[in-house]
Amino acid sequence: MAFAQESDAFTQVAFTLLIMIHCGVRHLSFIFQRNVHRQKVVNEMQLRGNETILDIKCSKGFWTCGVAEKLKAGGRIFAMDMWDTDATPYDGQWTVENSRREEVSGRVEVLNYGDPHFMVFKDNAFDCTLCAWLETEDEVNFYNLLSEMVRVTRPGGRLLFIMPKHPPHLLKHNLKDLGVKDIEQKMITTAYLMSNFVCCEKPESYEMPPARIDRSENAVTDESPGFDIKMLYFLGAVGFYFVAVYTVIIKMSWTTWLVPKEVAEADSLAYGFMAENSVWLCWAIVDMHFILASRPKYIVKRIGVVNLWLGFFCQFFLMVIIFNMCTWAPLLLFATITGVKSVAVRCIFRVVARPCIGFVLDDIFSKRRQQYFLQTWKEDYGSLKNRYRKPRKSKRKKRETDMLLDDLEGLGGPEAEDTFAPGI
């Protein structure tokens, strides 16, 4: 047991140091390499320079100014955001001033206000639309944002996205459901900075208007309570009581879980797996509280706070079981085969394996949960009939094309070749 406590202490210290180093290096990379990274991302956009571009949720204009540097005569970028709101607690003068400092103000126009979910622009108004913002707490609103981007982009125009690697999102799934084509994704790195660049094209034959989810509720003006915050505290207390009962049961049957017998107690099922679950379940309950507290009211109203909490709890419980199994079983096999009991081996394996396993599980479960939310409001979400299908040529047009090719082949015979000078 002392060996287990010592290895856990070293693991936590190592995690803390790695997180501190990660944050420090990332901050320094952003300070000294952000303009270089921005240049690399903008180069991937392959802009001609004369496009009319709309930058949605532009914030303080970092990406707006980077794109404006690539624009030439006739090119212009319009920047919009929900100024002076909780999500954007400042006004558009930040973007105006930043564009002036970077000497691109002549190609930047900052709009006074713009709700990305309900844009006031006409259909097919822009050559390109750009978004470097991910809405993680409201999947339905994010889908409607993408729908509006498709609507205001002209046929043949492009939709550009600069997204983080984490948290998991359904951007590509949403774009496929909206019927755009040629979806390309590329991870761009500069030093310690990473951006997930996604580009797609609106088909020339796109049928307007694009799909949109009607929630039948208004998350902005609907003040009827979807749930009381006290209910979340009550459900959190129920979860902690569950963990307490689980811990007592494990403690009372401790000797039963000491398997296999030939390994140390720290590597056995009792400590290496069962006891670890109680710690991670406590973390899951706290995390669930903050996730549900940040959810829009209309989602909680539609699904139900108890149903939503139970769904999250089942998901997190399954994640904890899989996570601990994947981090305990390899160490058990290593100790059984080699007989080695090393704090360094346990510490290094957990520090390396836990983040990798956690990211994979979070990606799988989060995307499935987001798909469920979207399918609650849009029954045909993800259906193949919503995806872009290349138009087929009719048989009549095909016959006309074949006849034209035959005529061209007749013109390109030996007699026609003699009319050209050699080498031309």
Protein backbone atom coordinates (compact mmCIF):
# COMPACT_ATOMS: atom_id res chain seq x y z
CA MET A 1 0.00 0.00 0.00
CA ALA A 2 2.88 2.35 0.80
CA PHE A 3 4.31 1.63 -2.65
CA ALA A 4 0.98 2.60 -4.24
CA GLN A 5 0.72 5.82 -2.26
CA GLU A 6 4.30 6.74 -3.16
CA SER A 7 3.78 6.06 -6.87
CA ASP A 8 0.51 8.04 -6.89
CA ALA A 9 2.24 10.98 -5.21
CA PHE A 10 5.03 10.96 -7.81
CA THR A 11 2.43 10.71 -10.60
CA GLN A 12 0.51 13.74 -9.34
CA VAL A 13 3.71 15.78 -8.94
CA ALA A 14 4.80 14.82 -12.46
CA PHE A 15 1.38 15.77 -13.87
CA THR A 16 1.48 19.14 -12.12
CA LEU A 17 4.97 19.92 -13.42
CA LEU A 18 4.05 18.91 -16.98
CA ILE A 19 0.92 21.08 -16.92
CA MET A 20 2.94 24.06 -15.67
CA ILE A 21 5.56 23.53 -18.38
CA HIS A 22 2.85 23.09 -21.03
CA CYS A 23 1.11 26.35 -20.08
CA GLY A 24 4.37 28.28 -19.88
CA VAL A 25 5.69 27.08 -23.24
CA ARG A 26 2.34 27.64 -24.93
CA HIS A 27 2.13 31.18 -23.57
CA LEU A 28 5.67 32.00 -24.75
CA SER A 29 4.93 30.47 -28.18
CA PHE A 30 1.82 32.62 -28.50
CA ILE A 31 3.76 35.77 -27.63
CA PHE A 32 6.70 35.21 -29.98
CA GLN A 33 5.28 32.98 -32.72
CA ARG A 34 1.63 33.98 -33.11
CA ASN A 35 2.18 36.20 -36.17
CA VAL A 36 4.27 33.50 -37.88
CA HIS A 37 1.59 30.93 -37.10
CA ARG A 38 -1.13 33.23 -38.39
CA GLN A 39 0.78 33.72 -41.63
CA LYS A 40 1.05 29.95 -42.15
CA VAL A 41 -2.68 29.45 -41.57
CA VAL A 42 -3.68 32.32 -43.87
CA ASN A 43 -1.39 30.97 -46.61
CA GLU A 44 -3.34 27.71 -46.48
CA MET A 45 -6.51 29.64 -47.39
CA GLN A 46 -5.12 30.27 -50.90
CA LEU A 47 -6.89 33.59 -51.35
CA ARG A 48 -6.81 35.41 -54.69
CA GLY A 49 -6.89 38.79 -52.96
CA ASN A 50 -10.04 40.29 -54.46
CA GLU A 51 -12.61 38.34 -52.39
CA THR A 52 -15.34 39.75 -50.20
CA ILE A 53 -14.97 37.91 -46.89
CA LEU A 54 -17.08 37.78 -43.75
CA ASP A 55 -15.26 37.05 -40.46
CA ILE A 56 -17.77 35.71 -37.93
CA LYS A 57 -17.07 36.14 -34.20
CA CYS A 58 -13.92 38.07 -34.98
CA SER A 59 -13.20 38.98 -31.32
CA LYS A 60 -10.40 41.59 -31.31
CA GLY A 61 -9.51 41.05 -34.96
CA PHE A 62 -6.45 38.79 -34.78
CA TRP A 63 -7.44 36.64 -37.74
CA THR A 64 -9.25 39.54 -39.43
CA CYS A 65 -6.03 41.51 -39.73
CA GLY A 66 -4.09 38.45 -40.87
CA VAL A 67 -6.51 37.83 -43.74
CA ALA A 68 -6.65 41.54 -44.63
CA GLU A 69 -2.88 41.51 -45.26
CA LYS A 70 -3.47 39.09 -48.14
CA LEU A 71 -6.21 41.18 -49.79
CA LYS A 72 -5.49 43.40 -52.78
CA ALA A 73 -7.48 45.98 -54.71
CA GLY A 74 -11.15 45.07 -54.63
CA GLY A 75 -10.76 42.75 -51.64
CA ARG A 76 -12.50 43.50 -48.37
CA ILE A 77 -13.18 41.71 -45.11
CA PHE A 78 -16.17 42.42 -42.89
CA ALA A 79 -15.75 41.67 -39.19
CA MET A 80 -18.73 40.97 -36.93
CA ASP A 81 -19.30 39.89 -33.35
CA MET A 82 -21.87 40.12 -30.58
CA TRP A 83 -20.31 43.21 -29.03
CA ASP A 84 -20.94 44.19 -25.39
CA THR A 85 -22.42 40.82 -24.41
CA ASP A 86 -21.31 38.21 -21.90
CA ALA A 87 -19.59 36.26 -24.68
CA THR A 88 -17.82 39.38 -26.06
CA PRO A 89 -17.52 41.94 -23.24
CA TYR A 90 -16.03 44.72 -25.39
CA ASP A 91 -16.91 46.70 -28.50
CA GLY A 92 -15.72 46.70 -32.09
CA GLN A 93 -13.23 49.50 -31.52
CA TRP A 94 -10.71 46.85 -30.49
CA THR A 95 -10.78 45.43 -34.02
CA VAL A 96 -10.73 48.91 -35.57
CA GLU A 97 -7.66 49.90 -33.55
CA ASN A 98 -5.83 46.61 -34.19
CA SER A 99 -6.44 46.93 -37.94
CA ARG A 100 -5.09 50.48 -37.83
CA ARG A 101 -1.94 49.35 -36.00
CA GLU A 102 -1.33 46.59 -38.53
CA GLU A 103 -1.95 49.08 -41.39
CA VAL A 104 -4.84 47.14 -42.96
CA SER A 105 -7.72 49.38 -41.88
CA GLY A 106 -8.50 50.28 -45.50
CA ARG A 107 -9.48 46.68 -46.20
CA VAL A 108 -11.33 46.01 -42.92
CA GLU A 109 -14.88 47.07 -42.11
CA VAL A 110 -16.16 46.38 -38.61
CA LEU A 111 -19.91 45.88 -38.34
CA ASN A 112 -21.69 47.35 -35.34
CA TYR A 113 -23.49 44.17 -34.34
CA GLY A 114 -23.94 40.67 -35.63
CA ASP A 115 -25.65 37.64 -34.16
CA PRO A 116 -24.03 34.73 -36.03
CA HIS A 117 -27.14 32.58 -35.57
CA PHE A 118 -29.46 35.12 -37.27
CA MET A 119 -27.49 37.12 -39.84
CA VAL A 120 -29.08 40.10 -41.59
CA PHE A 121 -27.17 39.66 -44.87
CA LYS A 122 -28.79 38.62 -48.13
CA ASP A 123 -28.28 35.15 -49.59
CA ASN A 124 -25.04 34.54 -51.53
CA ALA A 125 -23.54 37.84 -50.38
CA PHE A 126 -19.88 36.83 -49.76
CA ASP A 127 -17.15 34.99 -51.64
CA CYS A 128 -15.80 33.45 -48.43
CA THR A 129 -16.90 33.17 -44.83
CA LEU A 130 -14.42 32.68 -42.01
CA CYS A 131 -15.00 31.43 -38.47
CA ALA A 132 -12.36 30.88 -35.78
CA TRP A 133 -14.79 30.29 -32.94
CA LEU A 134 -16.18 27.03 -31.55
CA GLU A 135 -19.47 26.95 -29.64
CA THR A 136 -19.04 24.05 -27.19
CA GLU A 137 -22.05 24.52 -24.89
CA ASP A 138 -24.83 24.70 -27.49
CA GLU A 139 -24.63 22.23 -30.37
CA VAL A 140 -27.94 23.37 -31.89
CA ASN A 141 -26.90 27.02 -32.05
CA PHE A 142 -23.55 26.04 -33.57
CA TYR A 143 -25.37 24.08 -36.29
CA ASN A 144 -27.51 27.13 -37.06
CA LEU A 145 -24.38 29.28 -37.22
CA LEU A 146 -22.95 26.97 -39.89
CA SER A 147 -26.28 27.06 -41.72
CA GLU A 148 -26.14 30.86 -41.82
CA MET A 149 -22.57 30.73 -43.11
CA VAL A 150 -23.68 28.47 -45.97
CA ARG A 151 -26.62 30.77 -46.73
CA VAL A 152 -24.59 33.98 -47.06
CA THR A 153 -21.79 32.32 -49.08
CA ARG A 154 -22.22 32.45 -52.84
CA PRO A 155 -22.39 29.20 -54.86
CA GLY A 156 -18.84 28.14 -55.55
CA GLY A 157 -17.62 30.17 -52.57
CA ARG A 158 -15.67 28.71 -49.68
CA LEU A 159 -16.22 28.31 -45.96
CA LEU A 160 -13.05 28.54 -43.85
CA PHE A 161 -12.66 27.43 -40.23
CA ILE A 162 -9.79 27.71 -37.76
CA MET A 163 -10.60 25.36 -34.90
CA PRO A 164 -8.75 24.05 -31.86
CA LYS A 165 -7.81 20.38 -31.60
CA HIS A 166 -9.70 20.10 -28.33
CA PRO A 167 -12.50 19.96 -27.18
CA PRO A 168 -14.15 17.48 -29.59
CA HIS A 169 -16.71 18.95 -31.98
CA LEU A 170 -18.93 17.94 -34.89
CA LEU A 171 -17.82 20.53 -37.43
CA LYS A 172 -17.19 18.08 -40.28
CA HIS A 173 -20.37 16.11 -39.49
CA ASN A 174 -22.40 19.32 -39.53
CA LEU A 175 -20.90 20.47 -42.82
CA LYS A 176 -21.67 17.11 -44.44
CA ASP A 177 -25.23 17.29 -43.15
CA LEU A 178 -25.56 20.79 -44.67
CA GLY A 179 -24.56 19.46 -48.09
CA VAL A 180 -21.27 21.25 -48.79
CA LYS A 181 -18.52 19.54 -50.77
CA ASP A 182 -14.73 19.08 -50.83
CA ILE A 183 -14.27 19.19 -47.05
CA GLU A 184 -10.55 19.27 -46.31
CA GLN A 185 -8.87 19.29 -42.92
CA LYS A 186 -5.26 20.03 -42.03
CA MET A 187 -3.40 20.45 -38.75
CA ILE A 188 -1.04 23.43 -38.90
CA THR A 189 1.68 23.72 -36.26
CA THR A 190 4.18 26.43 -35.42
CA ALA A 191 6.46 25.76 -32.47
CA TYR A 192 3.93 24.89 -29.73
CA LEU A 193 0.90 26.41 -31.47
CA MET A 194 -1.63 24.22 -33.29
CA SER A 195 -4.65 25.09 -35.39
CA ASN A 196 -7.07 22.72 -37.08
CA PHE A 197 -7.79 24.33 -40.47
CA VAL A 198 -10.94 23.15 -42.26
CA CYS A 199 -11.96 24.30 -45.76
CA CYS A 200 -15.01 23.38 -47.84
CA GLU A 201 -16.93 24.67 -50.86
CA LYS A 202 -20.58 25.51 -51.39
CA PRO A 203 -21.78 23.64 -54.51
CA GLU A 204 -22.81 25.61 -57.57
CA SER A 205 -26.15 23.78 -57.65
CA TYR A 206 -26.90 24.29 -53.94
CA GLU A 207 -30.62 24.34 -53.12
CA MET A 208 -31.49 27.32 -50.93
CA PRO A 209 -32.19 27.79 -48.13
CA PRO A 210 -29.87 25.47 -46.18
CA ALA A 211 -31.22 23.26 -43.43
CA ARG A 212 -31.84 24.96 -40.12
CA ILE A 213 -32.94 23.62 -36.73
CA ASP A 214 -36.08 25.24 -35.35
CA ARG A 215 -35.84 24.92 -31.58
CA SER A 216 -39.30 26.40 -30.91
CA GLU A 217 -37.68 28.14 -27.96
CA ASN A 218 -35.59 31.27 -27.77
CA ALA A 219 -32.51 30.88 -25.59
CA VAL A 220 -32.12 34.67 -25.39
CA THR A 221 -35.60 35.81 -24.38
CA ASP A 222 -37.15 32.72 -22.83
CA GLU A 223 -36.73 33.20 -19.09
CA SER A 224 -38.99 30.36 -17.92
CA PRO A 225 -36.84 28.16 -15.69
CA GLY A 226 -35.65 24.98 -17.33
CA PHE A 227 -34.26 23.84 -14.02
CA ASP A 228 -33.40 25.20 -10.62
CA ILE A 229 -29.70 25.27 -9.74
CA LYS A 230 -30.67 23.66 -6.44
CA MET A 231 -31.69 20.56 -8.37
CA LEU A 232 -28.14 20.22 -9.66
CA TYR A 233 -26.76 20.44 -6.13
CA PHE A 234 -29.26 17.79 -5.03
CA LEU A 235 -28.26 15.46 -7.87
CA GLY A 236 -24.60 16.12 -7.09
CA ALA A 237 -25.23 15.09 -3.47
CA VAL A 238 -26.93 11.90 -4.71
CA GLY A 239 -23.85 11.17 -6.81
CA PHE A 240 -21.47 11.65 -3.86
CA TYR A 241 -23.64 9.35 -1.72
CA PHE A 242 -23.33 6.74 -4.47
CA VAL A 243 -19.54 7.07 -4.40
CA ALA A 244 -19.55 6.85 -0.58
CA VAL A 245 -21.59 3.62 -0.64
CA TYR A 246 -19.33 2.25 -3.38
CA THR A 247 -16.24 3.04 -1.30
CA VAL A 248 -17.69 1.39 1.82
CA ILE A 249 -18.51 -1.76 -0.14
CA ILE A 250 -14.97 -1.92 -1.53
CA LYS A 251 -13.50 -1.39 1.94
CA MET A 252 -15.64 -4.13 3.50
CA SER A 253 -14.76 -6.63 0.77
CA TRP A 254 -11.12 -5.55 0.35
CA THR A 255 -9.58 -9.01 0.70
CA THR A 256 -11.93 -10.37 -1.95
CA TRP A 257 -10.50 -7.98 -4.53
CA LEU A 258 -6.83 -8.77 -3.76
CA VAL A 259 -6.34 -10.69 -6.99
CA PRO A 260 -4.10 -11.91 -8.43
CA LYS A 261 -2.41 -13.07 -5.23
CA GLU A 262 1.11 -13.19 -6.64
CA VAL A 263 1.41 -9.42 -7.19
CA ALA A 264 1.71 -6.58 -4.71
CA GLU A 265 -1.42 -5.02 -3.24
CA ALA A 266 -0.84 -1.85 -5.26
CA ASP A 267 -1.02 -3.82 -8.53
CA SER A 268 -4.01 -5.93 -7.52
CA LEU A 269 -7.60 -5.43 -8.55
CA ALA A 270 -8.43 -3.98 -5.13
CA TYR A 271 -6.21 -0.91 -5.29
CA GLY A 272 -5.14 -0.67 -8.92
CA PHE A 273 -8.69 -0.67 -10.24
CA MET A 274 -11.51 -0.64 -7.67
CA ALA A 275 -10.10 2.00 -5.32
CA GLU A 276 -9.08 4.23 -8.23
CA ASN A 277 -12.67 4.30 -9.47
CA SER A 278 -13.92 6.11 -6.36
CA VAL A 279 -11.44 8.96 -6.89
CA TRP A 280 -12.29 9.41 -10.56
CA LEU A 281 -16.04 9.18 -9.93
CA CYS A 282 -15.77 12.12 -7.51
CA TRP A 283 -14.05 14.10 -10.25
CA ALA A 284 -16.79 13.09 -12.72
CA ILE A 285 -19.60 14.34 -10.46
CA VAL A 286 -17.92 17.73 -9.98
CA ASP A 287 -17.28 18.03 -13.73
CA MET A 288 -20.89 17.09 -14.51
CA HIS A 289 -22.17 19.86 -12.25
CA PHE A 290 -20.21 22.57 -14.10
CA ILE A 291 -21.11 21.16 -17.54
CA LEU A 292 -24.84 21.11 -16.82
CA ALA A 293 -24.77 24.51 -15.10
CA SER A 294 -23.38 26.04 -18.32
CA ARG A 295 -25.93 24.36 -20.59
CA PRO A 296 -28.63 26.55 -22.23
CA LYS A 297 -32.02 26.39 -20.58
CA TYR A 298 -33.87 25.17 -23.65
CA ILE A 299 -31.70 22.02 -23.89
CA VAL A 300 -32.28 21.15 -20.24
CA LYS A 301 -36.01 21.88 -20.60
CA ARG A 302 -36.37 19.66 -23.66
CA ILE A 303 -34.46 16.64 -22.32
CA GLY A 304 -35.09 17.09 -18.59
CA VAL A 305 -32.51 17.85 -15.91
CA VAL A 306 -32.79 14.41 -14.26
CA ASN A 307 -32.57 12.58 -17.60
CA LEU A 308 -29.65 14.75 -18.64
CA TRP A 309 -27.82 14.18 -15.34
CA LEU A 310 -28.38 10.43 -15.47
CA GLY A 311 -27.18 10.34 -19.08
CA PHE A 312 -24.00 12.20 -18.20
CA PHE A 313 -23.47 10.01 -15.13
CA CYS A 314 -23.76 6.79 -17.16
CA GLN A 315 -21.35 8.18 -19.74
CA PHE A 316 -18.78 9.28 -17.15
CA PHE A 317 -19.13 6.03 -15.19
CA LEU A 318 -18.38 4.01 -18.33
CA MET A 319 -15.46 6.32 -19.18
CA VAL A 320 -13.99 5.87 -15.69
CA ILE A 321 -14.24 2.06 -15.91
CA ILE A 322 -12.57 1.94 -19.34
CA PHE A 323 -9.98 4.55 -18.37
CA ASN A 324 -8.89 2.74 -15.20
CA MET A 325 -8.93 -0.64 -16.92
CA CYS A 326 -6.61 0.66 -19.66
CA THR A 327 -4.20 2.20 -17.13
CA TRP A 328 -4.24 -0.70 -14.64
CA ALA A 329 -4.25 -3.85 -16.81
CA PRO A 330 -0.92 -3.13 -18.61
CA LEU A 331 0.82 -2.48 -15.29
CA LEU A 332 -0.65 -5.69 -13.87
CA LEU A 333 0.62 -7.70 -16.85
CA PHE A 334 4.04 -6.06 -16.57
CA ALA A 335 4.29 -6.85 -12.85
CA THR A 336 3.04 -10.42 -13.35
CA ILE A 337 5.43 -11.25 -16.19
CA THR A 338 8.59 -9.50 -14.99
CA GLY A 339 8.04 -9.35 -11.23
CA VAL A 340 9.38 -5.78 -11.27
CA LYS A 341 7.93 -3.36 -8.74
CA SER A 342 9.15 0.11 -9.72
CA VAL A 343 7.76 3.52 -8.84
CA ALA A 344 9.42 4.99 -11.94
CA VAL A 345 7.74 2.51 -14.28
CA ARG A 346 4.28 3.14 -12.80
CA CYS A 347 4.78 6.92 -12.82
CA ILE A 348 6.09 7.15 -16.41
CA PHE A 349 3.40 4.84 -17.79
CA ARG A 350 0.57 6.74 -16.11
CA VAL A 351 1.89 10.16 -17.08
CA VAL A 352 2.14 9.07 -20.73
CA ALA A 353 -0.91 6.80 -21.01
CA ARG A 354 -3.54 8.72 -19.06
CA PRO A 355 -3.67 11.83 -21.28
CA CYS A 356 -3.71 9.72 -24.46
CA ILE A 357 -6.46 7.40 -23.23
CA GLY A 358 -8.43 10.31 -21.78
CA PHE A 359 -8.37 12.26 -25.07
CA VAL A 360 -9.52 9.23 -27.08
CA LEU A 361 -12.39 8.44 -24.68
CA ASP A 362 -13.45 12.09 -24.49
CA ASP A 363 -13.49 12.34 -28.28
CA ILE A 364 -15.63 9.22 -28.69
CA PHE A 365 -18.15 9.90 -25.94
CA SER A 366 -18.41 13.67 -26.49
CA LYS A 367 -19.14 13.35 -30.20
CA ARG A 368 -21.75 10.68 -29.57
CA ARG A 369 -23.42 12.89 -26.96
CA GLN A 370 -23.42 15.88 -29.31
CA GLN A 371 -24.96 13.80 -32.07
CA TYR A 372 -27.72 12.76 -29.67
CA PHE A 373 -28.46 16.40 -28.82
CA LEU A 374 -28.70 17.31 -32.52
CA GLN A 375 -30.85 14.29 -33.36
CA THR A 376 -33.24 15.37 -30.59
CA TRP A 377 -34.06 18.52 -32.61
CA LYS A 378 -33.30 17.27 -36.15
CA GLU A 379 -34.43 13.70 -36.71
CA ASP A 380 -32.66 13.27 -40.06
CA TYR A 381 -29.30 14.57 -38.78
CA GLY A 382 -26.46 12.58 -40.31
CA SER A 383 -28.64 11.02 -42.99
CA LEU A 384 -26.89 10.23 -46.27
CA LYS A 385 -29.61 12.02 -48.21
CA ASN A 386 -28.44 15.33 -46.71
CA ARG A 387 -24.91 15.00 -48.08
CA TYR A 388 -23.63 16.47 -51.30
CA ARG A 389 -24.12 14.24 -54.32
CA LYS A 390 -22.36 14.93 -57.56
CA PRO A 391 -24.98 15.65 -60.23
CA ARG A 392 -25.34 12.95 -62.82
CA LYS A 393 -25.39 13.62 -66.54
CA SER A 394 -28.58 12.67 -68.29
CA LYS A 395 -28.40 10.05 -71.05
CA ARG A 396 -29.36 12.62 -73.67
CA LYS A 397 -26.55 14.96 -72.66
CA LYS A 398 -24.15 12.03 -72.59
CA ARG A 399 -25.08 11.05 -76.16
CA GLU A 400 -24.65 14.65 -77.31
CA THR A 401 -21.23 14.77 -75.63
CA ASP A 402 -20.16 11.51 -77.29
CA MET A 403 -21.28 12.80 -80.72
CA LEU A 404 -19.32 15.99 -80.20
CA LEU A 405 -16.20 14.02 -79.25
CA ASP A 406 -16.58 11.88 -82.39
CA ASP A 407 -16.76 15.03 -84.52
CA LEU A 408 -13.63 16.40 -82.84
CA GLU A 409 -11.77 13.16 -83.44
CA GLY A 410 -12.71 13.41 -87.11
CA LEU A 411 -11.26 16.89 -87.28
CA GLY A 412 -8.08 15.73 -85.55
CA GLY A 413 -7.10 13.15 -88.22
CA PRO A 414 -3.94 13.08 -90.33
CA GLU A 415 -5.15 15.80 -92.71
CA ALA A 416 -5.75 18.16 -89.81
CA GLU A 417 -2.30 17.45 -88.34
CA ASP A 418 -0.63 18.50 -91.62
CA THR A 419 -2.05 22.01 -91.25
CA PHE A 420 0.13 22.68 -88.18
CA ALA A 421 3.77 23.46 -88.29
CA PRO A 422 6.10 20.86 -86.68
CA GLY A 423 6.69 21.44 -82.99
CA ILE A 424 3.55 23.52 -82.45
